Amino acid sequence: MNICPTCNAEFLDHVSLCSTCHEKLIKTVDRSPLDPANNTLASKEDLLKEETAVFAEGSLDHCREFEKILHRAQIPALVYPAKLGCDDNAATLGSSCGVKYLVLVRPGDLERCARAVDGQFFAQVAREGQGNLNRGVVDLEQSEVTCPACNERGPLKEGECSFCGLFLGEHNS
């Protein structure tokens, strides 16, 4: 099987280019999850045979996005469904029973994963030409706040940034 390094789509062995991204596909092999010498990724089943750690959990779309970022950074990762615990016989419509998804990686890759996701954020900010990573606490009691999304300073309007609309919480004046 072949995998696109950009969108992580899987293709049959005879296909060499991704039909969406037009990227050269990476061939999966039955070796270690990543062999940088020949730029190949092992199958997801092979990664499951190793010790893994949860890097992220959430919806399928959310986890697939993380998986794409990690594959672009050449970090072996896979999305794995995890059934939420409950009694299927007693479950009712609207109950919290269901499936969540996990992004699994090797424990030694967790720090690289965090750097790859941070790098994706900074690259996206650079492409958009604005924004800044704000690790400070936003004091909502102030008459004016600096929005962590658009970096504009001003009063909140019904708890939202009056420039970009990011909801920060209720402002009590």
C-alpha atoms as a PDB file:
ATOM      1  CA  MET A   1       0.000   0.000   0.000  1.00  0.00           C
ATOM      2  CA  ASN A   2       1.151   3.578  -0.702  1.00  0.00           C
ATOM      3  CA  ILE A   3       0.430   6.660   1.433  1.00  0.00           C
ATOM      4  CA  CYS A   4       0.383  10.347   0.519  1.00  0.00           C
ATOM      5  CA  PRO A   5       2.777  12.239   2.856  1.00  0.00           C
ATOM      6  CA  THR A   6       0.593  15.356   2.660  1.00  0.00           C
ATOM      7  CA  CYS A   7      -3.016  14.180   3.065  1.00  0.00           C
ATOM      8  CA  ASN A   8      -2.309  10.658   4.391  1.00  0.00           C
ATOM      9  CA  ALA A   9      -4.635   9.068   1.828  1.00  0.00           C
ATOM     10  CA  GLU A  10      -3.945   5.404   1.113  1.00  0.00           C
ATOM     11  CA  PHE A  11      -3.532   4.003  -2.413  1.00  0.00           C
ATOM     12  CA  LEU A  12      -2.951   0.638  -4.040  1.00  0.00           C
ATOM     13  CA  ASP A  13       0.644  -0.363  -4.807  1.00  0.00           C
ATOM     14  CA  HIS A  14       0.487   0.506  -8.519  1.00  0.00           C
ATOM     15  CA  VAL A  15      -0.458   4.169  -7.840  1.00  0.00           C
ATOM     16  CA  SER A  16       2.531   6.506  -7.456  1.00  0.00           C
ATOM     17  CA  LEU A  17       0.969  10.019  -7.209  1.00  0.00           C
ATOM     18  CA  CYS A  18      -1.789  11.317  -4.916  1.00  0.00           C
ATOM     19  CA  SER A  19      -4.847  12.208  -6.964  1.00  0.00           C
ATOM     20  CA  THR A  20      -5.638  15.125  -4.620  1.00  0.00           C
ATOM     21  CA  CYS A  21      -2.249  16.601  -3.689  1.00  0.00           C
ATOM     22  CA  HIS A  22      -0.251  15.365  -6.700  1.00  0.00           C
ATOM     23  CA  GLU A  23       2.522  14.369  -4.254  1.00  0.00           C
ATOM     24  CA  LYS A  24       4.778  11.349  -4.717  1.00  0.00           C
ATOM     25  CA  LEU A  25       3.444   8.537  -2.534  1.00  0.00           C
ATOM     26  CA  ILE A  26       5.427   6.780   0.207  1.00  0.00           C
ATOM     27  CA  LYS A  27       5.461   2.984   0.077  1.00  0.00           C
ATOM     28  CA  THR A  28       4.524   1.148   3.278  1.00  0.00           C
ATOM     29  CA  VAL A  29       6.718  -1.736   4.298  1.00  0.00           C
ATOM     30  CA  ASP A  30       6.791  -4.373   7.022  1.00  0.00           C
ATOM     31  CA  ARG A  31       9.660  -2.775   8.976  1.00  0.00           C
ATOM     32  CA  SER A  32       9.916  -0.167  11.712  1.00  0.00           C
ATOM     33  CA  PRO A  33       7.272   2.588  11.606  1.00  0.00           C
ATOM     34  CA  LEU A  34       9.661   5.035   9.974  1.00  0.00           C
ATOM     35  CA  ASP A  35      12.885   4.390   8.127  1.00  0.00           C
ATOM     36  CA  PRO A  36      14.308   7.802   7.131  1.00  0.00           C
ATOM     37  CA  ALA A  37      17.004   6.146   4.995  1.00  0.00           C
ATOM     38  CA  ASN A  38      14.460   5.088   2.385  1.00  0.00           C
ATOM     39  CA  ASN A  39      11.561   7.407   3.355  1.00  0.00           C
ATOM     40  CA  THR A  40       9.061   4.623   3.996  1.00  0.00           C
ATOM     41  CA  LEU A  41       6.321   4.220   6.582  1.00  0.00           C
ATOM     42  CA  ALA A  42       5.317   0.898   8.058  1.00  0.00           C
ATOM     43  CA  SER A  43       1.716  -0.197   8.203  1.00  0.00           C
ATOM     44  CA  LYS A  44      -0.439   1.056  11.047  1.00  0.00           C
ATOM     45  CA  GLU A  45      -0.715  -2.509  12.311  1.00  0.00           C
ATOM     46  CA  ASP A  46       3.068  -2.563  12.806  1.00  0.00           C
ATOM     47  CA  LEU A  47       2.940   0.600  14.914  1.00  0.00           C
ATOM     48  CA  LEU A  48       0.288  -1.032  17.104  1.00  0.00           C
ATOM     49  CA  LYS A  49       2.715  -3.863  17.841  1.00  0.00           C
ATOM     50  CA  GLU A  50       5.013  -1.341  19.564  1.00  0.00           C
ATOM     51  CA  GLU A  51       4.425   0.568  22.780  1.00  0.00           C
ATOM     52  CA  THR A  52       2.282   3.612  22.001  1.00  0.00           C
ATOM     53  CA  ALA A  53       1.157   6.730  23.843  1.00  0.00           C
ATOM     54  CA  VAL A  54      -1.901   8.910  23.279  1.00  0.00           C
ATOM     55  CA  PHE A  55      -0.924  12.252  21.758  1.00  0.00           C
ATOM     56  CA  ALA A  56      -4.464  13.580  21.224  1.00  0.00           C
ATOM     57  CA  GLU A  57      -8.065  12.470  21.438  1.00  0.00           C
ATOM     58  CA  GLY A  58     -11.253  13.812  19.932  1.00  0.00           C
ATOM     59  CA  SER A  59     -13.442  13.548  16.873  1.00  0.00           C
ATOM     60  CA  LEU A  60     -12.297  11.631  13.811  1.00  0.00           C
ATOM     61  CA  ASP A  61     -11.750  14.838  11.791  1.00  0.00           C
ATOM     62  CA  HIS A  62      -9.774  16.417  14.627  1.00  0.00           C
ATOM     63  CA  CYS A  63      -7.532  13.364  14.996  1.00  0.00           C
ATOM     64  CA  ARG A  64      -7.015  12.995  11.222  1.00  0.00           C
ATOM     65  CA  GLU A  65      -5.750  16.585  11.110  1.00  0.00           C
ATOM     66  CA  PHE A  66      -3.186  15.796  13.817  1.00  0.00           C
ATOM     67  CA  GLU A  67      -2.220  12.628  11.958  1.00  0.00           C
ATOM     68  CA  LYS A  68      -1.564  14.617   8.760  1.00  0.00           C
ATOM     69  CA  ILE A  69       0.621  17.124  10.605  1.00  0.00           C
ATOM     70  CA  LEU A  70       2.643  14.326  12.206  1.00  0.00           C
ATOM     71  CA  HIS A  71       3.085  12.416   8.948  1.00  0.00           C
ATOM     72  CA  ARG A  72       4.364  15.583   7.238  1.00  0.00           C
ATOM     73  CA  ALA A  73       6.901  15.809  10.074  1.00  0.00           C
ATOM     74  CA  GLN A  74       7.781  12.136   9.431  1.00  0.00           C
ATOM     75  CA  ILE A  75       6.518  11.056  12.847  1.00  0.00           C
ATOM     76  CA  PRO A  76       4.728   7.688  12.774  1.00  0.00           C
ATOM     77  CA  ALA A  77       1.171   8.122  14.045  1.00  0.00           C
ATOM     78  CA  LEU A  78      -2.197   6.504  13.651  1.00  0.00           C
ATOM     79  CA  VAL A  79      -5.798   7.258  14.498  1.00  0.00           C
ATOM     80  CA  TYR A  80      -7.354   4.541  16.610  1.00  0.00           C
ATOM     81  CA  PRO A  81     -11.015   4.265  17.674  1.00  0.00           C
ATOM     82  CA  ALA A  82     -11.692   3.746  21.374  1.00  0.00           C
ATOM     83  CA  LYS A  83     -15.164   2.758  22.495  1.00  0.00           C
ATOM     84  CA  LEU A  84     -16.433   4.820  25.400  1.00  0.00           C
ATOM     85  CA  GLY A  85     -17.442   2.615  28.295  1.00  0.00           C
ATOM     86  CA  CYS A  86     -21.138   2.064  28.847  1.00  0.00           C
ATOM     87  CA  ASP A  87     -23.728  -0.676  28.859  1.00  0.00           C
ATOM     88  CA  ASP A  88     -24.908  -0.925  25.241  1.00  0.00           C
ATOM     89  CA  ASN A  89     -28.142  -2.609  26.385  1.00  0.00           C
ATOM     90  CA  ALA A  90     -28.994   0.311  28.684  1.00  0.00           C
ATOM     91  CA  ALA A  91     -27.905   3.062  26.286  1.00  0.00           C
ATOM     92  CA  THR A  92     -30.565   5.525  25.206  1.00  0.00           C
ATOM     93  CA  LEU A  93     -30.741   8.023  22.392  1.00  0.00           C
ATOM     94  CA  GLY A  94     -28.493  10.945  23.281  1.00  0.00           C
ATOM     95  CA  SER A  95     -26.425   9.027  25.828  1.00  0.00           C
ATOM     96  CA  SER A  96     -22.680   9.574  25.940  1.00  0.00           C
ATOM     97  CA  CYS A  97     -21.959   6.048  24.706  1.00  0.00           C
ATOM     98  CA  GLY A  98     -20.065   5.989  21.460  1.00  0.00           C
ATOM     99  CA  VAL A  99     -16.618   6.173  19.986  1.00  0.00           C
ATOM    100  CA  LYS A 100     -13.847   8.675  20.474  1.00  0.00           C
ATOM    101  CA  TYR A 101     -10.630   8.599  18.518  1.00  0.00           C
ATOM    102  CA  LEU A 102      -7.036   8.627  19.708  1.00  0.00           C
ATOM    103  CA  VAL A 103      -3.860   9.689  17.927  1.00  0.00           C
ATOM    104  CA  LEU A 104      -1.259   7.098  18.918  1.00  0.00           C
ATOM    105  CA  VAL A 105       2.496   7.657  18.651  1.00  0.00           C
ATOM    106  CA  ARG A 106       5.612   6.152  20.155  1.00  0.00           C
ATOM    107  CA  PRO A 107       6.266   7.538  23.680  1.00  0.00           C
ATOM    108  CA  GLY A 108       9.679   8.797  22.589  1.00  0.00           C
ATOM    109  CA  ASP A 109       8.043  10.898  19.852  1.00  0.00           C
ATOM    110  CA  LEU A 110       5.689  12.904  22.113  1.00  0.00           C
ATOM    111  CA  GLU A 111       7.995  15.932  22.341  1.00  0.00           C
ATOM    112  CA  ARG A 112       8.585  15.898  18.551  1.00  0.00           C
ATOM    113  CA  CYS A 113       4.795  15.735  18.071  1.00  0.00           C
ATOM    114  CA  ALA A 114       4.286  18.842  20.193  1.00  0.00           C
ATOM    115  CA  ARG A 115       6.985  20.696  18.228  1.00  0.00           C
ATOM    116  CA  ALA A 116       5.390  19.632  14.917  1.00  0.00           C
ATOM    117  CA  VAL A 117       1.978  20.938  15.984  1.00  0.00           C
ATOM    118  CA  ASP A 118       3.521  24.192  17.265  1.00  0.00           C
ATOM    119  CA  GLY A 119       5.383  24.498  13.958  1.00  0.00           C
ATOM    120  CA  GLN A 120       2.127  24.053  12.048  1.00  0.00           C
ATOM    121  CA  PHE A 121       0.576  26.866  14.108  1.00  0.00           C
ATOM    122  CA  PHE A 122       3.475  29.245  13.463  1.00  0.00           C
ATOM    123  CA  ALA A 123       3.509  28.371   9.745  1.00  0.00           C
ATOM    124  CA  GLN A 124      -0.209  29.072   9.490  1.00  0.00           C
ATOM    125  CA  VAL A 125       0.174  32.387  11.321  1.00  0.00           C
ATOM    126  CA  ALA A 126       3.007  33.356   8.953  1.00  0.00           C
ATOM    127  CA  ARG A 127       0.852  32.491   5.913  1.00  0.00           C
ATOM    128  CA  GLU A 128      -2.006  34.589   7.250  1.00  0.00           C
ATOM    129  CA  GLY A 129       0.322  37.455   8.117  1.00  0.00           C
ATOM    130  CA  GLN A 130      -1.121  38.150  11.542  1.00  0.00           C
ATOM    131  CA  GLY A 131      -1.503  36.769  15.011  1.00  0.00           C
ATOM    132  CA  ASN A 132       0.872  35.731  17.701  1.00  0.00           C
ATOM    133  CA  LEU A 133       0.998  32.879  20.162  1.00  0.00           C
ATOM    134  CA  ASN A 134      -0.223  34.413  23.408  1.00  0.00           C
ATOM    135  CA  ARG A 135       0.617  32.225  26.381  1.00  0.00           C
ATOM    136  CA  GLY A 136      -0.478  34.886  28.899  1.00  0.00           C
ATOM    137  CA  VAL A 137      -3.709  34.944  30.847  1.00  0.00           C
ATOM    138  CA  VAL A 138      -6.405  37.292  29.526  1.00  0.00           C
ATOM    139  CA  ASP A 139      -7.837  39.302  32.442  1.00  0.00           C
ATOM    140  CA  LEU A 140     -11.509  39.645  31.551  1.00  0.00           C
ATOM    141  CA  GLU A 141     -12.065  42.134  34.401  1.00  0.00           C
ATOM    142  CA  GLN A 142     -10.137  44.840  32.519  1.00  0.00           C
ATOM    143  CA  SER A 143     -12.051  47.430  30.485  1.00  0.00           C
ATOM    144  CA  GLU A 144      -9.857  46.589  27.486  1.00  0.00           C
ATOM    145  CA  VAL A 145      -8.178  43.254  26.715  1.00  0.00           C
ATOM    146  CA  THR A 146      -5.704  42.046  24.120  1.00  0.00           C
ATOM    147  CA  CYS A 147      -7.329  39.290  22.060  1.00  0.00           C
ATOM    148  CA  PRO A 148      -5.160  36.155  21.852  1.00  0.00           C
ATOM    149  CA  ALA A 149      -6.464  35.424  18.341  1.00  0.00           C
ATOM    150  CA  CYS A 150      -6.107  38.739  16.481  1.00  0.00           C
ATOM    151  CA  ASN A 151      -3.801  40.544  18.953  1.00  0.00           C
ATOM    152  CA  GLU A 152      -6.046  43.659  18.841  1.00  0.00           C
ATOM    153  CA  ARG A 153      -6.702  45.577  22.043  1.00  0.00           C
ATOM    154  CA  GLY A 154     -10.172  46.848  22.911  1.00  0.00           C
ATOM    155  CA  PRO A 155     -13.308  46.304  24.979  1.00  0.00           C
ATOM    156  CA  LEU A 156     -15.249  43.044  24.807  1.00  0.00           C
ATOM    157  CA  LYS A 157     -18.745  43.180  23.346  1.00  0.00           C
ATOM    158  CA  GLU A 158     -20.976  40.575  25.004  1.00  0.00           C
ATOM    159  CA  GLY A 159     -17.903  38.535  25.856  1.00  0.00           C
ATOM    160  CA  GLU A 160     -16.493  38.623  22.297  1.00  0.00           C
ATOM    161  CA  CYS A 161     -13.510  40.391  20.787  1.00  0.00           C
ATOM    162  CA  SER A 162     -14.947  43.390  18.972  1.00  0.00           C
ATOM    163  CA  PHE A 163     -12.433  42.891  16.131  1.00  0.00           C
ATOM    164  CA  CYS A 164     -12.479  39.168  15.292  1.00  0.00           C
ATOM    165  CA  GLY A 165     -15.446  37.867  17.296  1.00  0.00           C
ATOM    166  CA  LEU A 166     -13.533  35.330  19.411  1.00  0.00           C
ATOM    167  CA  PHE A 167     -15.636  34.508  22.479  1.00  0.00           C
ATOM    168  CA  LEU A 168     -13.525  35.025  25.580  1.00  0.00           C
ATOM    169  CA  GLY A 169     -16.251  35.012  28.250  1.00  0.00           C
ATOM    170  CA  GLU A 170     -18.675  37.354  29.892  1.00  0.00           C
ATOM    171  CA  HIS A 171     -17.342  40.768  30.846  1.00  0.00           C
ATOM    172  CA  ASN A 172     -18.871  42.176  34.057  1.00  0.00           C
ATOM    173  CA  SER A 173     -18.772  45.992  34.134  1.00  0.00           C
END
